[in-house]
């Protein structure tokens, strides 16, 4: 078989694998939403308030998860087709980060998030795209940060730009895979070894930063956990 034929076969295999994964990642949260609401509908009068609230919370969390997954698919499509336009402006970094944390809403799930400013709060960035990149990493840190996640967000200026570092105290990244986590459709597993879905979020994050002339990298922390570091030019 020719090299072109091998590549075509490989692409076809990846495409089918991707469709299977996407179907699974769409159906799983949808099944939870339907199941929770169906139980609520049939047994509302027999359930305690605590159990009713629990069913609603479960359905809401999975609906957020489903919404996030669909948003990721749309984002990666727009990025790869060149449909997203970068509109940089001078932004207040502290305000952007605080807004991202607020927008996590119930998905924060009680996670503690500490902020530390180390310098300039001004950055030259597209506020919508940069906020999206930050939120993707924050959501990732909440999801993989362990049973009682604690997240540290340090931000400020360095020699040639502005840096934001989001770190957690979870199990960290697979050794030697720190760059691979930014690849599309990388399969991740949570601490309980159950599938957590195909990784579009970090691939989108990398592309959003590249589009703005910035960078994002991942590394393990010696004492435990992972750190994601963003870098953008200082505002003029």
Protein backbone atom coordinates (compact mmCIF):
# COMPACT_ATOMS: atom_id res chain seq x y z
CA UNK A 1 0.00 0.00 0.00
CA UNK A 2 1.24 3.50 -0.83
CA UNK A 3 2.10 6.14 1.75
CA UNK A 4 -0.92 8.16 0.60
CA UNK A 5 -3.10 5.09 1.07
CA UNK A 6 -1.72 4.51 4.56
CA UNK A 7 -2.41 8.13 5.49
CA UNK A 8 -5.95 7.94 4.13
CA UNK A 9 -6.60 4.76 6.11
CA UNK A 10 -5.19 6.35 9.24
CA UNK A 11 -7.33 9.48 8.78
CA UNK A 12 -10.41 7.34 8.23
CA UNK A 13 -9.67 5.40 11.41
CA UNK A 14 -9.22 8.62 13.41
CA UNK A 15 -12.42 10.06 11.94
CA UNK A 16 -14.47 7.01 12.92
CA UNK A 17 -12.85 6.99 16.36
CA UNK A 18 -13.69 10.68 16.77
CA UNK A 19 -17.35 10.18 15.75
CA UNK A 20 -17.70 7.30 18.20
CA UNK A 21 -16.18 9.41 20.98
CA UNK A 22 -18.32 12.45 20.21
CA UNK A 23 -21.48 10.32 20.14
CA UNK A 24 -20.57 8.89 23.54
CA UNK A 25 -19.70 12.27 25.02
CA UNK A 26 -23.01 13.72 23.83
CA UNK A 27 -25.20 10.80 24.87
CA UNK A 28 -23.76 10.29 28.37
CA UNK A 29 -24.71 13.68 29.86
CA UNK A 30 -27.98 13.71 27.91
CA UNK A 31 -28.94 10.34 29.42
CA UNK A 32 -28.32 11.73 32.91
CA UNK A 33 -30.43 14.82 32.21
CA UNK A 34 -33.32 12.74 30.86
CA UNK A 35 -33.05 10.17 33.65
CA UNK A 36 -32.98 12.74 36.45
CA UNK A 37 -35.91 14.73 35.06
CA UNK A 38 -37.93 11.59 34.37
CA UNK A 39 -37.52 10.44 37.98
CA UNK A 40 -38.48 13.91 39.18
CA UNK A 41 -41.59 13.93 36.97
CA UNK A 42 -42.79 10.49 38.06
CA UNK A 43 -41.95 10.68 41.77
CA UNK A 44 -42.03 14.38 42.64
CA UNK A 45 -44.59 14.03 45.44
CA UNK A 46 -42.81 11.03 46.98
CA UNK A 47 -39.34 12.59 47.02
CA UNK A 48 -37.87 14.66 49.82
CA UNK A 49 -36.81 18.21 49.03
CA UNK A 50 -33.18 17.11 49.33
CA UNK A 51 -33.63 14.38 46.73
CA UNK A 52 -35.56 16.70 44.40
CA UNK A 53 -32.80 19.29 44.67
CA UNK A 54 -30.23 16.57 44.02
CA UNK A 55 -31.95 15.46 40.83
CA UNK A 56 -32.21 19.03 39.57
CA UNK A 57 -28.55 19.67 40.41
CA UNK A 58 -27.47 16.49 38.61
CA UNK A 59 -29.46 17.41 35.50
CA UNK A 60 -28.12 20.97 35.56
CA UNK A 61 -24.48 19.88 35.87
CA UNK A 62 -24.81 17.47 32.96
CA UNK A 63 -26.61 20.12 30.90
CA UNK A 64 -23.66 22.48 31.52
CA UNK A 65 -21.30 19.68 30.50
CA UNK A 66 -23.27 19.06 27.31
CA UNK A 67 -23.36 22.78 26.51
CA UNK A 68 -19.60 23.03 27.04
CA UNK A 69 -18.90 20.09 24.77
CA UNK A 70 -21.05 21.50 21.95
CA UNK A 71 -19.43 24.92 22.38
CA UNK A 72 -16.00 23.29 22.09
CA UNK A 73 -16.94 21.57 18.84
CA UNK A 74 -18.18 24.86 17.39
CA UNK A 75 -15.07 26.72 18.60
CA UNK A 76 -12.59 24.27 17.11
CA UNK A 77 -14.50 24.38 13.79
CA UNK A 78 -14.42 28.19 13.69
CA UNK A 79 -10.75 28.34 14.63
CA UNK A 80 -9.65 25.84 12.01
CA UNK A 81 -11.74 27.48 9.29
CA UNK A 82 -10.42 30.97 10.10
CA UNK A 83 -13.86 32.27 11.07
CA UNK A 84 -12.72 33.78 14.39
CA UNK A 85 -11.36 37.33 14.21
CA UNK A 86 -9.00 38.71 16.85
CA UNK A 87 -9.92 42.15 18.21
CA UNK A 88 -7.17 43.12 20.68
CA UNK A 89 -7.58 45.91 23.20
CA UNK A 90 -6.05 46.99 26.48
CA UNK A 91 -7.65 44.86 29.22
CA UNK A 92 -7.53 44.76 32.99
CA UNK A 93 -6.25 41.28 33.75
CA UNK A 94 -7.61 41.10 37.28
CA UNK A 95 -11.11 41.95 36.08
CA UNK A 96 -10.93 39.36 33.29
CA UNK A 97 -9.87 36.61 35.69
CA UNK A 98 -12.51 37.50 38.29
CA UNK A 99 -15.20 37.49 35.60
CA UNK A 100 -14.05 34.04 34.44
CA UNK A 101 -14.34 32.68 37.98
CA UNK A 102 -17.82 34.16 38.41
CA UNK A 103 -18.92 32.65 35.09
CA UNK A 104 -17.96 29.17 36.28
CA UNK A 105 -21.12 29.37 38.38
CA UNK A 106 -22.30 26.00 39.74
CA UNK A 107 -19.57 24.23 37.76
CA UNK A 108 -17.12 25.56 40.32
CA UNK A 109 -18.68 23.01 42.68
CA UNK A 110 -17.24 24.53 45.86
CA UNK A 111 -13.67 24.61 44.53
CA UNK A 112 -11.41 27.11 46.31
CA UNK A 113 -9.73 29.57 43.95
CA UNK A 114 -7.03 31.90 45.28
CA UNK A 115 -5.77 34.92 43.31
CA UNK A 116 -2.30 36.43 43.53
CA UNK A 117 -1.27 39.55 41.62
CA UNK A 118 2.46 40.04 41.09
CA UNK A 119 2.57 43.17 38.96
CA UNK A 120 0.90 44.92 36.05
CA UNK A 121 -2.78 44.17 35.52
CA UNK A 122 -2.83 45.50 31.95
CA UNK A 123 -2.61 43.19 28.97
CA UNK A 124 -3.05 43.57 25.22
CA UNK A 125 -5.55 40.87 24.25
CA UNK A 126 -8.91 40.07 22.77
CA UNK A 127 -10.99 40.01 25.98
CA UNK A 128 -13.49 37.48 24.64
CA UNK A 129 -10.90 35.02 23.30
CA UNK A 130 -8.52 35.36 26.24
CA UNK A 131 -11.37 34.88 28.73
CA UNK A 132 -12.45 31.77 26.84
CA UNK A 133 -8.92 30.34 27.03
CA UNK A 134 -8.69 31.05 30.77
CA UNK A 135 -12.10 29.49 31.46
CA UNK A 136 -11.17 26.32 29.61
CA UNK A 137 -8.14 25.81 31.85
CA UNK A 138 -10.08 26.75 35.00
CA UNK A 139 -12.76 24.20 34.13
CA UNK A 140 -10.05 21.63 33.48
CA UNK A 141 -8.45 22.35 36.87
CA UNK A 142 -11.79 21.97 38.66
CA UNK A 143 -12.46 18.69 36.86
CA UNK A 144 -9.05 17.10 37.39
CA UNK A 145 -7.94 18.89 40.55
CA UNK A 146 -8.69 16.01 42.92
CA UNK A 147 -11.51 15.32 45.39
CA UNK A 148 -11.16 18.70 47.11
CA UNK A 149 -9.73 20.90 44.37
CA UNK A 150 -7.84 24.05 45.24
CA UNK A 151 -6.70 26.32 42.43
CA UNK A 152 -4.10 29.07 42.52
CA UNK A 153 -4.18 31.83 39.90
CA UNK A 154 -1.05 34.00 39.87
CA UNK A 155 -0.82 36.83 37.38
CA UNK A 156 1.35 39.84 36.63
CA UNK A 157 4.13 41.15 34.40
CA UNK A 158 7.47 39.56 33.62
CA UNK A 159 10.42 40.63 31.46
CA UNK A 160 8.63 40.75 28.10
CA UNK A 161 4.93 40.44 28.78
CA UNK A 162 2.16 39.43 31.13
CA UNK A 163 1.92 35.97 32.59
CA UNK A 164 -0.98 34.04 34.12
CA UNK A 165 -0.34 30.73 35.88
CA UNK A 166 -3.25 28.47 36.86
CA UNK A 167 -2.18 25.60 39.10
CA UNK A 168 -4.00 22.83 40.95
CA UNK A 169 -3.21 20.13 43.50
CA UNK A 170 -4.53 17.18 41.54
CA UNK A 171 -2.68 14.10 40.27
CA UNK A 172 -0.88 16.09 37.59
CA UNK A 173 -0.29 15.24 33.94
CA UNK A 174 1.03 11.93 32.61
CA UNK A 175 4.84 12.24 32.62
CA UNK A 176 6.14 13.18 29.20
CA UNK A 177 2.65 14.08 27.95
CA UNK A 178 2.71 17.76 28.91
CA UNK A 179 2.57 18.86 25.26
CA UNK A 180 0.24 16.11 24.11
CA UNK A 181 -2.61 17.43 26.29
CA UNK A 182 -3.02 20.26 23.76
CA UNK A 183 -3.75 17.80 20.94
CA UNK A 184 -7.31 17.33 19.75
CA UNK A 185 -9.26 14.29 20.90
CA UNK A 186 -6.73 13.20 23.50
CA UNK A 187 -8.61 10.91 25.87
CA UNK A 188 -8.43 11.85 29.53
CA UNK A 189 -9.43 9.82 32.56
CA UNK A 190 -10.41 11.15 35.96
CA UNK A 191 -9.02 9.80 39.20
CA UNK A 192 -11.69 7.07 39.33
CA UNK A 193 -10.46 5.88 35.90
CA UNK A 194 -13.83 6.58 34.30
CA UNK A 195 -13.73 8.32 30.98
CA UNK A 196 -13.93 12.09 31.19
CA UNK A 197 -14.35 12.72 27.49
CA UNK A 198 -12.23 13.67 24.55
CA UNK A 199 -10.02 16.70 25.07
CA UNK A 200 -11.05 19.55 22.82
CA UNK A 201 -10.80 22.25 25.48
CA UNK A 202 -7.02 22.47 25.77
CA UNK A 203 -6.57 22.25 21.99
CA UNK A 204 -8.93 25.21 21.66
CA UNK A 205 -7.07 27.05 24.42
CA UNK A 206 -3.75 26.67 22.56
CA UNK A 207 -5.25 27.92 19.29
CA UNK A 208 -6.93 30.89 21.00
CA UNK A 209 -3.60 31.95 22.51
CA UNK A 210 -1.68 31.45 19.26
CA UNK A 211 -4.24 33.60 17.41
CA UNK A 212 -3.45 36.47 19.81
CA UNK A 213 0.32 36.14 19.53
CA UNK A 214 0.50 34.47 22.93
CA UNK A 215 1.43 31.07 24.31
CA UNK A 216 0.20 28.52 26.82
CA UNK A 217 2.19 25.60 28.19
CA UNK A 218 1.61 22.86 30.74
CA UNK A 219 3.93 21.30 33.28
CA UNK A 220 3.81 19.15 36.37
CA UNK A 221 4.52 20.63 39.79
CA UNK A 222 7.18 18.84 41.81
CA UNK A 223 5.01 18.84 44.95
CA UNK A 224 1.94 17.59 43.06
CA UNK A 225 -0.57 18.96 40.61
CA UNK A 226 -0.28 20.67 37.25
CA UNK A 227 0.33 24.25 36.15
CA UNK A 228 -0.80 25.97 32.96
CA UNK A 229 1.06 29.17 32.12
CA UNK A 230 -0.26 31.80 29.70
CA UNK A 231 1.90 34.55 28.23
CA UNK A 232 0.85 37.66 26.30
CA UNK A 233 2.58 40.95 25.40
CA UNK A 234 2.18 43.87 27.81
CA UNK A 235 -0.37 46.47 26.72
CA UNK A 236 1.16 49.41 24.89
